[in-house]
Amino acid sequence: MSRRQLKADDVDGFVLAAGDEFRECELTFHVDVKISLKWRQERGKFLLTAAAYEWGVTAEGVPYAVAEREWPSHRAQSLHALLYSLAVSISVACQRQYRDDHGYYPSEAPAKAGQ
């Protein structure tokens, strides 16, 4: 999660916080996050998708986790806020997938022998 307090008009803050969240997600779960933008048929709307791929898996493979956000929406009126929302959503999706795969969250990892 962001370490800074964000205000609705803080464009730079939201963009930096989104970048921090994407980077933290990549390093924590050993994934590469790819973002795509698709125009919707409804005029003035588009869909942003974040897909996390395990390191070493090409973007044509099955993603580890996926998050989507439509813009504009009730969740985010500004694009920079939507980007941050998408970053948090892909992190949460990766956490859930990790828990499903391992039976625990990364922060709850059992201690290794000898530690």
PDB file of N, CA and C in Angstrom:
ATOM      1  N   MET A   1       0.829  -1.182   0.000  1.00  0.00           N
ATOM      2  CA  MET A   1       0.000   0.000   0.000  1.00  0.00           C
ATOM      3  C   MET A   1       0.875   1.248   0.000  1.00  0.00           C
ATOM      4  N   SER A   2       0.279   2.302  -0.459  1.00  0.00           N
ATOM      5  CA  SER A   2       1.019   3.550  -0.577  1.00  0.00           C
ATOM      6  C   SER A   2       1.493   4.048   0.779  1.00  0.00           C
ATOM      7  N   ARG A   3       2.671   4.604   0.778  1.00  0.00           N
ATOM      8  CA  ARG A   3       3.228   5.155   2.007  1.00  0.00           C
ATOM      9  C   ARG A   3       2.959   6.643   2.123  1.00  0.00           C
ATOM     10  N   ARG A   4       2.269   7.202   1.139  1.00  0.00           N
ATOM     11  CA  ARG A   4       2.004   8.637   1.163  1.00  0.00           C
ATOM     12  C   ARG A   4       0.511   8.893   1.251  1.00  0.00           C
ATOM     13  N   GLN A   5       0.161  10.012   1.817  1.00  0.00           N
ATOM     14  CA  GLN A   5      -1.233  10.432   1.900  1.00  0.00           C
ATOM     15  C   GLN A   5      -1.607  11.073   0.568  1.00  0.00           C
ATOM     16  N   LEU A   6      -2.672  10.569  -0.061  1.00  0.00           N
ATOM     17  CA  LEU A   6      -3.055  11.052  -1.380  1.00  0.00           C
ATOM     18  C   LEU A   6      -4.315  11.892  -1.316  1.00  0.00           C
ATOM     19  N   LYS A   7      -4.309  12.967  -2.090  1.00  0.00           N
ATOM     20  CA  LYS A   7      -5.489  13.809  -2.247  1.00  0.00           C
ATOM     21  C   LYS A   7      -5.955  13.657  -3.686  1.00  0.00           C
ATOM     22  N   ALA A   8      -7.243  13.855  -3.947  1.00  0.00           N
ATOM     23  CA  ALA A   8      -7.835  13.591  -5.257  1.00  0.00           C
ATOM     24  C   ALA A   8      -7.115  14.291  -6.403  1.00  0.00           C
ATOM     25  N   ASP A   9      -6.590  15.487  -6.186  1.00  0.00           N
ATOM     26  CA  ASP A   9      -5.951  16.245  -7.266  1.00  0.00           C
ATOM     27  C   ASP A   9      -4.432  16.038  -7.329  1.00  0.00           C
ATOM     28  N   ASP A  10      -3.911  15.105  -6.567  1.00  0.00           N
ATOM     29  CA  ASP A  10      -2.465  14.846  -6.529  1.00  0.00           C
ATOM     30  C   ASP A  10      -2.081  13.844  -7.620  1.00  0.00           C
ATOM     31  N   VAL A  11      -2.034  14.312  -8.858  1.00  0.00           N
ATOM     32  CA  VAL A  11      -1.757  13.438 -10.005  1.00  0.00           C
ATOM     33  C   VAL A  11      -0.418  12.737  -9.833  1.00  0.00           C
ATOM     34  N   ASP A  12       0.625  13.484  -9.582  1.00  0.00           N
ATOM     35  CA  ASP A  12       1.962  12.893  -9.435  1.00  0.00           C
ATOM     36  C   ASP A  12       2.003  11.877  -8.298  1.00  0.00           C
ATOM     37  N   GLY A  13       1.341  12.196  -7.199  1.00  0.00           N
ATOM     38  CA  GLY A  13       1.320  11.287  -6.052  1.00  0.00           C
ATOM     39  C   GLY A  13       0.664   9.962  -6.383  1.00  0.00           C
ATOM     40  N   PHE A  14      -0.473  10.017  -7.093  1.00  0.00           N
ATOM     41  CA  PHE A  14      -1.151   8.783  -7.480  1.00  0.00           C
ATOM     42  C   PHE A  14      -0.305   7.960  -8.439  1.00  0.00           C
ATOM     43  N   VAL A  15       0.323   8.613  -9.400  1.00  0.00           N
ATOM     44  CA  VAL A  15       1.143   7.901 -10.375  1.00  0.00           C
ATOM     45  C   VAL A  15       2.352   7.265  -9.688  1.00  0.00           C
ATOM     46  N   LEU A  16       3.009   7.992  -8.805  1.00  0.00           N
ATOM     47  CA  LEU A  16       4.143   7.433  -8.063  1.00  0.00           C
ATOM     48  C   LEU A  16       3.709   6.280  -7.162  1.00  0.00           C
ATOM     49  N   ALA A  17       2.577   6.443  -6.483  1.00  0.00           N
ATOM     50  CA  ALA A  17       2.072   5.386  -5.601  1.00  0.00           C
ATOM     51  C   ALA A  17       1.697   4.145  -6.407  1.00  0.00           C
ATOM     52  N   ALA A  18       1.112   4.338  -7.590  1.00  0.00           N
ATOM     53  CA  ALA A  18       0.774   3.200  -8.446  1.00  0.00           C
ATOM     54  C   ALA A  18       2.046   2.474  -8.875  1.00  0.00           C
ATOM     55  N   GLY A  19       3.059   3.230  -9.269  1.00  0.00           N
ATOM     56  CA  GLY A  19       4.326   2.626  -9.658  1.00  0.00           C
ATOM     57  C   GLY A  19       4.951   1.846  -8.515  1.00  0.00           C
ATOM     58  N   ASP A  20       4.907   2.414  -7.315  1.00  0.00           N
ATOM     59  CA  ASP A  20       5.439   1.719  -6.132  1.00  0.00           C
ATOM     60  C   ASP A  20       4.686   0.411  -5.891  1.00  0.00           C
ATOM     61  N   GLU A  21       3.364   0.470  -6.028  1.00  0.00           N
ATOM     62  CA  GLU A  21       2.541  -0.720  -5.782  1.00  0.00           C
ATOM     63  C   GLU A  21       2.796  -1.803  -6.826  1.00  0.00           C
ATOM     64  N   PHE A  22       2.892  -1.407  -8.103  1.00  0.00           N
ATOM     65  CA  PHE A  22       3.205  -2.383  -9.154  1.00  0.00           C
ATOM     66  C   PHE A  22       4.570  -3.027  -8.897  1.00  0.00           C
ATOM     67  N   ARG A  23       5.570  -2.221  -8.562  1.00  0.00           N
ATOM     68  CA  ARG A  23       6.925  -2.725  -8.325  1.00  0.00           C
ATOM     69  C   ARG A  23       6.953  -3.671  -7.123  1.00  0.00           C
ATOM     70  N   GLU A  24       6.281  -3.286  -6.045  1.00  0.00           N
ATOM     71  CA  GLU A  24       6.237  -4.132  -4.857  1.00  0.00           C
ATOM     72  C   GLU A  24       5.554  -5.465  -5.162  1.00  0.00           C
ATOM     73  N   CYS A  25       4.502  -5.421  -5.954  1.00  0.00           N
ATOM     74  CA  CYS A  25       3.805  -6.640  -6.365  1.00  0.00           C
ATOM     75  C   CYS A  25       4.747  -7.549  -7.156  1.00  0.00           C
ATOM     76  N   GLU A  26       5.467  -6.964  -8.105  1.00  0.00           N
ATOM     77  CA  GLU A  26       6.386  -7.746  -8.933  1.00  0.00           C
ATOM     78  C   GLU A  26       7.466  -8.421  -8.092  1.00  0.00           C
ATOM     79  N   LEU A  27       8.034  -7.685  -7.155  1.00  0.00           N
ATOM     80  CA  LEU A  27       9.123  -8.227  -6.338  1.00  0.00           C
ATOM     81  C   LEU A  27       8.636  -9.231  -5.301  1.00  0.00           C
ATOM     82  N   THR A  28       7.468  -9.003  -4.730  1.00  0.00           N
ATOM     83  CA  THR A  28       6.937  -9.899  -3.705  1.00  0.00           C
ATOM     84  C   THR A  28       6.521 -11.245  -4.281  1.00  0.00           C
ATOM     85  N   PHE A  29       5.866 -11.202  -5.447  1.00  0.00           N
ATOM     86  CA  PHE A  29       5.299 -12.429  -6.006  1.00  0.00           C
ATOM     87  C   PHE A  29       6.069 -12.972  -7.206  1.00  0.00           C
ATOM     88  N   HIS A  30       7.200 -12.364  -7.532  1.00  0.00           N
ATOM     89  CA  HIS A  30       8.054 -12.810  -8.646  1.00  0.00           C
ATOM     90  C   HIS A  30       7.253 -12.877  -9.950  1.00  0.00           C
ATOM     91  N   VAL A  31       6.623 -11.750 -10.271  1.00  0.00           N
ATOM     92  CA  VAL A  31       5.811 -11.650 -11.488  1.00  0.00           C
ATOM     93  C   VAL A  31       6.205 -10.404 -12.273  1.00  0.00           C
ATOM     94  N   ASP A  32       5.836 -10.395 -13.544  1.00  0.00           N
ATOM     95  CA  ASP A  32       5.911  -9.195 -14.372  1.00  0.00           C
ATOM     96  C   ASP A  32       4.481  -8.754 -14.612  1.00  0.00           C
ATOM     97  N   VAL A  33       4.181  -7.491 -14.332  1.00  0.00           N
ATOM     98  CA  VAL A  33       2.831  -6.972 -14.529  1.00  0.00           C
ATOM     99  C   VAL A  33       2.773  -6.251 -15.872  1.00  0.00           C
ATOM    100  N   LYS A  34       1.836  -6.678 -16.706  1.00  0.00           N
ATOM    101  CA  LYS A  34       1.602  -6.057 -18.012  1.00  0.00           C
ATOM    102  C   LYS A  34       0.248  -5.357 -17.965  1.00  0.00           C
ATOM    103  N   ILE A  35       0.215  -4.145 -18.481  1.00  0.00           N
ATOM    104  CA  ILE A  35      -1.023  -3.362 -18.482  1.00  0.00           C
ATOM    105  C   ILE A  35      -1.480  -3.165 -19.915  1.00  0.00           C
ATOM    106  N   SER A  36      -2.773  -3.376 -20.143  1.00  0.00           N
ATOM    107  CA  SER A  36      -3.328  -3.150 -21.485  1.00  0.00           C
ATOM    108  C   SER A  36      -4.534  -2.219 -21.379  1.00  0.00           C
ATOM    109  N   LEU A  37      -4.778  -1.534 -22.469  1.00  0.00           N
ATOM    110  CA  LEU A  37      -5.879  -0.575 -22.555  1.00  0.00           C
ATOM    111  C   LEU A  37      -6.745  -0.966 -23.740  1.00  0.00           C
ATOM    112  N   LYS A  38      -8.045  -1.103 -23.514  1.00  0.00           N
ATOM    113  CA  LYS A  38      -8.983  -1.445 -24.587  1.00  0.00           C
ATOM    114  C   LYS A  38     -10.136  -0.455 -24.569  1.00  0.00           C
ATOM    115  N   TRP A  39     -10.447   0.074 -25.724  1.00  0.00           N
ATOM    116  CA  TRP A  39     -11.602   0.956 -25.838  1.00  0.00           C
ATOM    117  C   TRP A  39     -12.861   0.121 -25.788  1.00  0.00           C
ATOM    118  N   ARG A  40     -13.868   0.599 -25.067  1.00  0.00           N
ATOM    119  CA  ARG A  40     -15.165  -0.067 -24.982  1.00  0.00           C
ATOM    120  C   ARG A  40     -16.042   0.427 -26.120  1.00  0.00           C
ATOM    121  N   GLN A  41     -17.075  -0.317 -26.436  1.00  0.00           N
ATOM    122  CA  GLN A  41     -17.999   0.125 -27.482  1.00  0.00           C
ATOM    123  C   GLN A  41     -18.771   1.367 -27.046  1.00  0.00           C
ATOM    124  N   GLU A  42     -19.006   1.469 -25.752  1.00  0.00           N
ATOM    125  CA  GLU A  42     -19.690   2.653 -25.235  1.00  0.00           C
ATOM    126  C   GLU A  42     -18.752   3.850 -25.363  1.00  0.00           C
ATOM    127  N   ARG A  43     -19.220   4.890 -25.994  1.00  0.00           N
ATOM    128  CA  ARG A  43     -18.389   6.064 -26.268  1.00  0.00           C
ATOM    129  C   ARG A  43     -17.826   6.657 -24.973  1.00  0.00           C
ATOM    130  N   GLY A  44     -16.536   6.927 -24.980  1.00  0.00           N
ATOM    131  CA  GLY A  44     -15.890   7.584 -23.844  1.00  0.00           C
ATOM    132  C   GLY A  44     -15.494   6.657 -22.711  1.00  0.00           C
ATOM    133  N   LYS A  45     -15.601   5.359 -22.899  1.00  0.00           N
ATOM    134  CA  LYS A  45     -15.220   4.414 -21.838  1.00  0.00           C
ATOM    135  C   LYS A  45     -14.124   3.485 -22.343  1.00  0.00           C
ATOM    136  N   PHE A  46     -13.258   3.089 -21.433  1.00  0.00           N
ATOM    137  CA  PHE A  46     -12.272   2.076 -21.782  1.00  0.00           C
ATOM    138  C   PHE A  46     -11.968   1.187 -20.598  1.00  0.00           C
ATOM    139  N   LEU A  47     -11.313   0.078 -20.882  1.00  0.00           N
ATOM    140  CA  LEU A  47     -10.999  -0.932 -19.890  1.00  0.00           C
ATOM    141  C   LEU A  47      -9.491  -1.037 -19.741  1.00  0.00           C
ATOM    142  N   LEU A  48      -9.014  -0.919 -18.526  1.00  0.00           N
ATOM    143  CA  LEU A  48      -7.600  -1.132 -18.205  1.00  0.00           C
ATOM    144  C   LEU A  48      -7.484  -2.498 -17.542  1.00  0.00           C
ATOM    145  N   THR A  49      -6.561  -3.314 -18.030  1.00  0.00           N
ATOM    146  CA  THR A  49      -6.347  -4.644 -17.475  1.00  0.00           C
ATOM    147  C   THR A  49      -4.894  -4.782 -17.047  1.00  0.00           C
ATOM    148  N   ALA A  50      -4.686  -5.289 -15.844  1.00  0.00           N
ATOM    149  CA  ALA A  50      -3.343  -5.617 -15.362  1.00  0.00           C
ATOM    150  C   ALA A  50      -3.279  -7.133 -15.237  1.00  0.00           C
ATOM    151  N   ALA A  51      -2.305  -7.729 -15.893  1.00  0.00           N
ATOM    152  CA  ALA A  51      -2.104  -9.174 -15.825  1.00  0.00           C
ATOM    153  C   ALA A  51      -0.703  -9.441 -15.295  1.00  0.00           C
ATOM    154  N   ALA A  52      -0.616 -10.291 -14.294  1.00  0.00           N
ATOM    155  CA  ALA A  52       0.665 -10.650 -13.688  1.00  0.00           C
ATOM    156  C   ALA A  52       1.092 -12.011 -14.215  1.00  0.00           C
ATOM    157  N   TYR A  53       2.292 -12.070 -14.788  1.00  0.00           N
ATOM    158  CA  TYR A  53       2.850 -13.317 -15.315  1.00  0.00           C
ATOM    159  C   TYR A  53       4.053 -13.704 -14.482  1.00  0.00           C
ATOM    160  N   GLU A  54       4.126 -14.981 -14.117  1.00  0.00           N
ATOM    161  CA  GLU A  54       5.275 -15.447 -13.343  1.00  0.00           C
ATOM    162  C   GLU A  54       6.552 -15.193 -14.119  1.00  0.00           C
ATOM    163  N   TRP A  55       7.628 -14.904 -13.407  1.00  0.00           N
ATOM    164  CA  TRP A  55       8.909 -14.657 -14.066  1.00  0.00           C
ATOM    165  C   TRP A  55       9.254 -15.853 -14.942  1.00  0.00           C
ATOM    166  N   GLY A  56       9.694 -15.586 -16.158  1.00  0.00           N
ATOM    167  CA  GLY A  56      10.072 -16.643 -17.072  1.00  0.00           C
ATOM    168  C   GLY A  56       8.925 -17.132 -17.949  1.00  0.00           C
ATOM    169  N   VAL A  57       7.692 -16.674 -17.693  1.00  0.00           N
ATOM    170  CA  VAL A  57       6.543 -17.054 -18.503  1.00  0.00           C
ATOM    171  C   VAL A  57       6.243 -15.902 -19.456  1.00  0.00           C
ATOM    172  N   THR A  58       6.075 -16.206 -20.725  1.00  0.00           N
ATOM    173  CA  THR A  58       5.805 -15.147 -21.701  1.00  0.00           C
ATOM    174  C   THR A  58       4.377 -14.641 -21.549  1.00  0.00           C
ATOM    175  N   ALA A  59       4.122 -13.475 -22.089  1.00  0.00           N
ATOM    176  CA  ALA A  59       2.800 -12.856 -21.992  1.00  0.00           C
ATOM    177  C   ALA A  59       1.733 -13.649 -22.734  1.00  0.00           C
ATOM    178  N   GLU A  60       2.125 -14.620 -23.554  1.00  0.00           N
ATOM    179  CA  GLU A  60       1.148 -15.461 -24.235  1.00  0.00           C
ATOM    180  C   GLU A  60       0.656 -16.578 -23.317  1.00  0.00           C
ATOM    181  N   GLY A  61       1.358 -16.814 -22.215  1.00  0.00           N
ATOM    182  CA  GLY A  61       0.979 -17.870 -21.275  1.00  0.00           C
ATOM    183  C   GLY A  61      -0.211 -17.450 -20.421  1.00  0.00           C
ATOM    184  N   VAL A  62      -0.585 -18.333 -19.527  1.00  0.00           N
ATOM    185  CA  VAL A  62      -1.708 -18.060 -18.622  1.00  0.00           C
ATOM    186  C   VAL A  62      -1.226 -17.137 -17.509  1.00  0.00           C
ATOM    187  N   PRO A  63      -1.924 -16.025 -17.276  1.00  0.00           N
ATOM    188  CA  PRO A  63      -1.485 -15.110 -16.219  1.00  0.00           C
ATOM    189  C   PRO A  63      -1.654 -15.711 -14.824  1.00  0.00           C
ATOM    190  N   TYR A  64      -0.787 -15.310 -13.932  1.00  0.00           N
ATOM    191  CA  TYR A  64      -0.844 -15.710 -12.524  1.00  0.00           C
ATOM    192  C   TYR A  64      -2.071 -15.084 -11.863  1.00  0.00           C
ATOM    193  N   ALA A  65      -2.342 -13.831 -12.203  1.00  0.00           N
ATOM    194  CA  ALA A  65      -3.497 -13.105 -11.661  1.00  0.00           C
ATOM    195  C   ALA A  65      -3.868 -11.986 -12.628  1.00  0.00           C
ATOM    196  N   VAL A  66      -5.139 -11.578 -12.589  1.00  0.00           N
ATOM    197  CA  VAL A  66      -5.636 -10.522 -13.477  1.00  0.00           C
ATOM    198  C   VAL A  66      -6.544  -9.596 -12.678  1.00  0.00           C
ATOM    199  N   ALA A  67      -6.461  -8.303 -12.985  1.00  0.00           N
ATOM    200  CA  ALA A  67      -7.377  -7.314 -12.411  1.00  0.00           C
ATOM    201  C   ALA A  67      -7.808  -6.368 -13.527  1.00  0.00           C
ATOM    202  N   GLU A  68      -9.060  -5.955 -13.494  1.00  0.00           N
ATOM    203  CA  GLU A  68      -9.589  -5.051 -14.522  1.00  0.00           C
ATOM    204  C   GLU A  68     -10.319  -3.889 -13.873  1.00  0.00           C
ATOM    205  N   ARG A  69     -10.257  -2.755 -14.540  1.00  0.00           N
ATOM    206  CA  ARG A  69     -10.979  -1.562 -14.114  1.00  0.00           C
ATOM    207  C   ARG A  69     -11.495  -0.838 -15.348  1.00  0.00           C
ATOM    208  N   GLU A  70     -12.740  -0.389 -15.283  1.00  0.00           N
ATOM    209  CA  GLU A  70     -13.314   0.411 -16.364  1.00  0.00           C
ATOM    210  C   GLU A  70     -13.245   1.883 -15.965  1.00  0.00           C
ATOM    211  N   TRP A  71     -13.036   2.733 -16.969  1.00  0.00           N
ATOM    212  CA  TRP A  71     -12.939   4.164 -16.685  1.00  0.00           C
ATOM    213  C   TRP A  71     -13.714   4.956 -17.701  1.00  0.00           C
ATOM    214  N   PRO A  72     -14.392   5.990 -17.340  1.00  0.00           N
ATOM    215  CA  PRO A  72     -14.661   6.437 -15.972  1.00  0.00           C
ATOM    216  C   PRO A  72     -15.712   5.541 -15.311  1.00  0.00           C
ATOM    217  N   SER A  73     -15.702   5.533 -13.995  1.00  0.00           N
ATOM    218  CA  SER A  73     -16.641   4.712 -13.241  1.00  0.00           C
ATOM    219  C   SER A  73     -16.884   5.352 -11.878  1.00  0.00           C
ATOM    220  N   HIS A  74     -17.739   4.718 -11.102  1.00  0.00           N
ATOM    221  CA  HIS A  74     -17.990   5.211  -9.753  1.00  0.00           C
ATOM    222  C   HIS A  74     -16.766   5.057  -8.860  1.00  0.00           C
ATOM    223  N   ARG A  75     -15.862   4.143  -9.215  1.00  0.00           N
ATOM    224  CA  ARG A  75     -14.651   3.921  -8.420  1.00  0.00           C
ATOM    225  C   ARG A  75     -13.629   5.028  -8.599  1.00  0.00           C
ATOM    226  N   ALA A  76     -13.500   5.513  -9.816  1.00  0.00           N
ATOM    227  CA  ALA A  76     -12.464   6.510 -10.097  1.00  0.00           C
ATOM    228  C   ALA A  76     -12.909   7.407 -11.242  1.00  0.00           C
ATOM    229  N   GLN A  77     -12.954   8.686 -10.984  1.00  0.00           N
ATOM    230  CA  GLN A  77     -13.285   9.655 -12.024  1.00  0.00           C
ATOM    231  C   GLN A  77     -12.034  10.115 -12.765  1.00  0.00           C
ATOM    232  N   SER A  78     -10.900  10.037 -12.111  1.00  0.00           N
ATOM    233  CA  SER A  78      -9.653  10.476 -12.747  1.00  0.00           C
ATOM    234  C   SER A  78      -8.824   9.252 -13.142  1.00  0.00           C
ATOM    235  N   LEU A  79      -8.115   9.382 -14.229  1.00  0.00           N
ATOM    236  CA  LEU A  79      -7.312   8.278 -14.732  1.00  0.00           C
ATOM    237  C   LEU A  79      -6.185   7.911 -13.768  1.00  0.00           C
ATOM    238  N   HIS A  80      -5.586   8.911 -13.128  1.00  0.00           N
ATOM    239  CA  HIS A  80      -4.497   8.611 -12.197  1.00  0.00           C
ATOM    240  C   HIS A  80      -5.005   7.832 -10.974  1.00  0.00           C
ATOM    241  N   ALA A  81      -6.216   8.118 -10.516  1.00  0.00           N
ATOM    242  CA  ALA A  81      -6.783   7.364  -9.397  1.00  0.00           C
ATOM    243  C   ALA A  81      -7.118   5.939  -9.831  1.00  0.00           C
ATOM    244  N   LEU A  82      -7.585   5.790 -11.061  1.00  0.00           N
ATOM    245  CA  LEU A  82      -7.885   4.462 -11.592  1.00  0.00           C
ATOM    246  C   LEU A  82      -6.618   3.623 -11.674  1.00  0.00           C
ATOM    247  N   LEU A  83      -5.524   4.222 -12.110  1.00  0.00           N
ATOM    248  CA  LEU A  83      -4.259   3.504 -12.210  1.00  0.00           C
ATOM    249  C   LEU A  83      -3.816   2.990 -10.841  1.00  0.00           C
ATOM    250  N   TYR A  84      -3.969   3.817  -9.820  1.00  0.00           N
ATOM    251  CA  TYR A  84      -3.622   3.382  -8.471  1.00  0.00           C
ATOM    252  C   TYR A  84      -4.552   2.264  -7.999  1.00  0.00           C
ATOM    253  N   SER A  85      -5.842   2.404  -8.277  1.00  0.00           N
ATOM    254  CA  SER A  85      -6.808   1.367  -7.917  1.00  0.00           C
ATOM    255  C   SER A  85      -6.464   0.039  -8.594  1.00  0.00           C
ATOM    256  N   LEU A  86      -6.047   0.103  -9.850  1.00  0.00           N
ATOM    257  CA  LEU A  86      -5.660  -1.098 -10.587  1.00  0.00           C
ATOM    258  C   LEU A  86      -4.418  -1.742  -9.966  1.00  0.00           C
ATOM    259  N   ALA A  87      -3.467  -0.916  -9.560  1.00  0.00           N
ATOM    260  CA  ALA A  87      -2.241  -1.432  -8.932  1.00  0.00           C
ATOM    261  C   ALA A  87      -2.558  -2.168  -7.636  1.00  0.00           C
ATOM    262  N   VAL A  88      -3.434  -1.608  -6.821  1.00  0.00           N
ATOM    263  CA  VAL A  88      -3.824  -2.262  -5.567  1.00  0.00           C
ATOM    264  C   VAL A  88      -4.577  -3.554  -5.872  1.00  0.00           C
ATOM    265  N   SER A  89      -5.441  -3.514  -6.873  1.00  0.00           N
ATOM    266  CA  SER A  89      -6.242  -4.695  -7.226  1.00  0.00           C
ATOM    267  C   SER A  89      -5.390  -5.858  -7.712  1.00  0.00           C
ATOM    268  N   ILE A  90      -4.370  -5.585  -8.514  1.00  0.00           N
ATOM    269  CA  ILE A  90      -3.520  -6.684  -8.993  1.00  0.00           C
ATOM    270  C   ILE A  90      -2.686  -7.236  -7.839  1.00  0.00           C
ATOM    271  N   SER A  91      -2.284  -6.395  -6.907  1.00  0.00           N
ATOM    272  CA  SER A  91      -1.554  -6.875  -5.729  1.00  0.00           C
ATOM    273  C   SER A  91      -2.432  -7.807  -4.889  1.00  0.00           C
ATOM    274  N   VAL A  92      -3.679  -7.419  -4.697  1.00  0.00           N
ATOM    275  CA  VAL A  92      -4.616  -8.247  -3.927  1.00  0.00           C
ATOM    276  C   VAL A  92      -4.875  -9.563  -4.656  1.00  0.00           C
ATOM    277  N   ALA A  93      -5.045  -9.508  -5.972  1.00  0.00           N
ATOM    278  CA  ALA A  93      -5.260 -10.734  -6.758  1.00  0.00           C
ATOM    279  C   ALA A  93      -4.058 -11.667  -6.650  1.00  0.00           C
ATOM    280  N   CYS A  94      -2.850 -11.110  -6.673  1.00  0.00           N
ATOM    281  CA  CYS A  94      -1.643 -11.928  -6.523  1.00  0.00           C
ATOM    282  C   CYS A  94      -1.564 -12.537  -5.124  1.00  0.00           C
ATOM    283  N   GLN A  95      -1.937 -11.761  -4.103  1.00  0.00           N
ATOM    284  CA  GLN A  95      -1.939 -12.281  -2.731  1.00  0.00           C
ATOM    285  C   GLN A  95      -2.885 -13.467  -2.609  1.00  0.00           C
ATOM    286  N   ARG A  96      -4.071 -13.336  -3.180  1.00  0.00           N
ATOM    287  CA  ARG A  96      -5.052 -14.426  -3.109  1.00  0.00           C
ATOM    288  C   ARG A  96      -4.552 -15.664  -3.846  1.00  0.00           C
ATOM    289  N   GLN A  97      -3.958 -15.454  -5.010  1.00  0.00           N
ATOM    290  CA  GLN A  97      -3.427 -16.588  -5.770  1.00  0.00           C
ATOM    291  C   GLN A  97      -2.294 -17.265  -5.009  1.00  0.00           C
ATOM    292  N   TYR A  98      -1.431 -16.468  -4.397  1.00  0.00           N
ATOM    293  CA  TYR A  98      -0.327 -17.004  -3.599  1.00  0.00           C
ATOM    294  C   TYR A  98      -0.880 -17.835  -2.436  1.00  0.00           C
ATOM    295  N   ARG A  99      -1.897 -17.300  -1.759  1.00  0.00           N
ATOM    296  CA  ARG A  99      -2.512 -18.025  -0.642  1.00  0.00           C
ATOM    297  C   ARG A  99      -3.121 -19.339  -1.125  1.00  0.00           C
ATOM    298  N   ASP A 100      -3.786 -19.315  -2.281  1.00  0.00           N
ATOM    299  CA  ASP A 100      -4.380 -20.537  -2.822  1.00  0.00           C
ATOM    300  C   ASP A 100      -3.306 -21.562  -3.193  1.00  0.00           C
ATOM    301  N   ASP A 101      -2.177 -21.096  -3.706  1.00  0.00           N
ATOM    302  CA  ASP A 101      -1.090 -21.990  -4.108  1.00  0.00           C
ATOM    303  C   ASP A 101      -0.319 -22.563  -2.924  1.00  0.00           C
ATOM    304  N   HIS A 102      -0.090 -21.737  -1.891  1.00  0.00           N
ATOM    305  CA  HIS A 102       0.797 -22.125  -0.793  1.00  0.00           C
ATOM    306  C   HIS A 102       0.087 -22.393   0.539  1.00  0.00           C
ATOM    307  N   GLY A 103      -1.147 -21.956   0.658  1.00  0.00           N
ATOM    308  CA  GLY A 103      -1.880 -22.158   1.908  1.00  0.00           C
ATOM    309  C   GLY A 103      -1.650 -21.075   2.940  1.00  0.00           C
ATOM    310  N   TYR A 104      -0.885 -20.061   2.615  1.00  0.00           N
ATOM    311  CA  TYR A 104      -0.623 -18.953   3.520  1.00  0.00           C
ATOM    312  C   TYR A 104      -0.228 -17.729   2.697  1.00  0.00           C
ATOM    313  N   TYR A 105      -0.293 -16.558   3.324  1.00  0.00           N
ATOM    314  CA  TYR A 105       0.126 -15.317   2.664  1.00  0.00           C
ATOM    315  C   TYR A 105       1.648 -15.187   2.770  1.00  0.00           C
ATOM    316  N   PRO A 106       2.267 -14.403   1.881  1.00  0.00           N
ATOM    317  CA  PRO A 106       3.737 -14.251   1.939  1.00  0.00           C
ATOM    318  C   PRO A 106       4.235 -13.781   3.307  1.00  0.00           C
ATOM    319  N   SER A 107       3.476 -12.917   3.966  1.00  0.00           N
ATOM    320  CA  SER A 107       3.905 -12.403   5.278  1.00  0.00           C
ATOM    321  C   SER A 107       3.813 -13.470   6.366  1.00  0.00           C
ATOM    322  N   GLU A 108       3.099 -14.555   6.073  1.00  0.00           N
ATOM    323  CA  GLU A 108       2.938 -15.628   7.052  1.00  0.00           C
ATOM    324  C   GLU A 108       3.818 -16.836   6.732  1.00  0.00           C
ATOM    325  N   ALA A 109       4.775 -16.665   5.843  1.00  0.00           N
ATOM    326  CA  ALA A 109       5.620 -17.783   5.422  1.00  0.00           C
ATOM    327  C   ALA A 109       6.290 -18.443   6.617  1.00  0.00           C
ATOM    328  N   PRO A 110       6.276 -19.761   6.646  1.00  0.00           N
ATOM    329  CA  PRO A 110       6.929 -20.449   7.770  1.00  0.00           C
ATOM    330  C   PRO A 110       8.434 -20.200   7.756  1.00  0.00           C
ATOM    331  N   ALA A 111       9.008 -20.127   8.940  1.00  0.00           N
ATOM    332  CA  ALA A 111      10.461 -19.906   9.049  1.00  0.00           C
ATOM    333  C   ALA A 111      11.193 -21.118   8.518  1.00  0.00           C
ATOM    334  N   LYS A 112      12.315 -20.848   7.840  1.00  0.00           N
ATOM    335  CA  LYS A 112      13.145 -21.931   7.322  1.00  0.00           C
ATOM    336  C   LYS A 112      13.932 -22.554   8.461  1.00  0.00           C
ATOM    337  N   ALA A 113      14.258 -23.817   8.313  1.00  0.00           N
ATOM    338  CA  ALA A 113      15.016 -24.524   9.351  1.00  0.00           C
ATOM    339  C   ALA A 113      16.351 -23.818   9.599  1.00  0.00           C
ATOM    340  N   GLY A 114      16.706 -23.681  10.849  1.00  0.00           N
ATOM    341  CA  GLY A 114      17.967 -23.060  11.225  1.00  0.00           C
ATOM    342  C   GLY A 114      17.874 -21.548  11.381  1.00  0.00           C
ATOM    343  N   GLN A 115      16.665 -21.018  11.310  1.00  0.00           N
ATOM    344  CA  GLN A 115      16.517 -19.554  11.479  1.00  0.00           C
ATOM    345  C   GLN A 115      15.808 -19.246  12.757  1.00  0.00           C
TER     346      GLN A 115
END
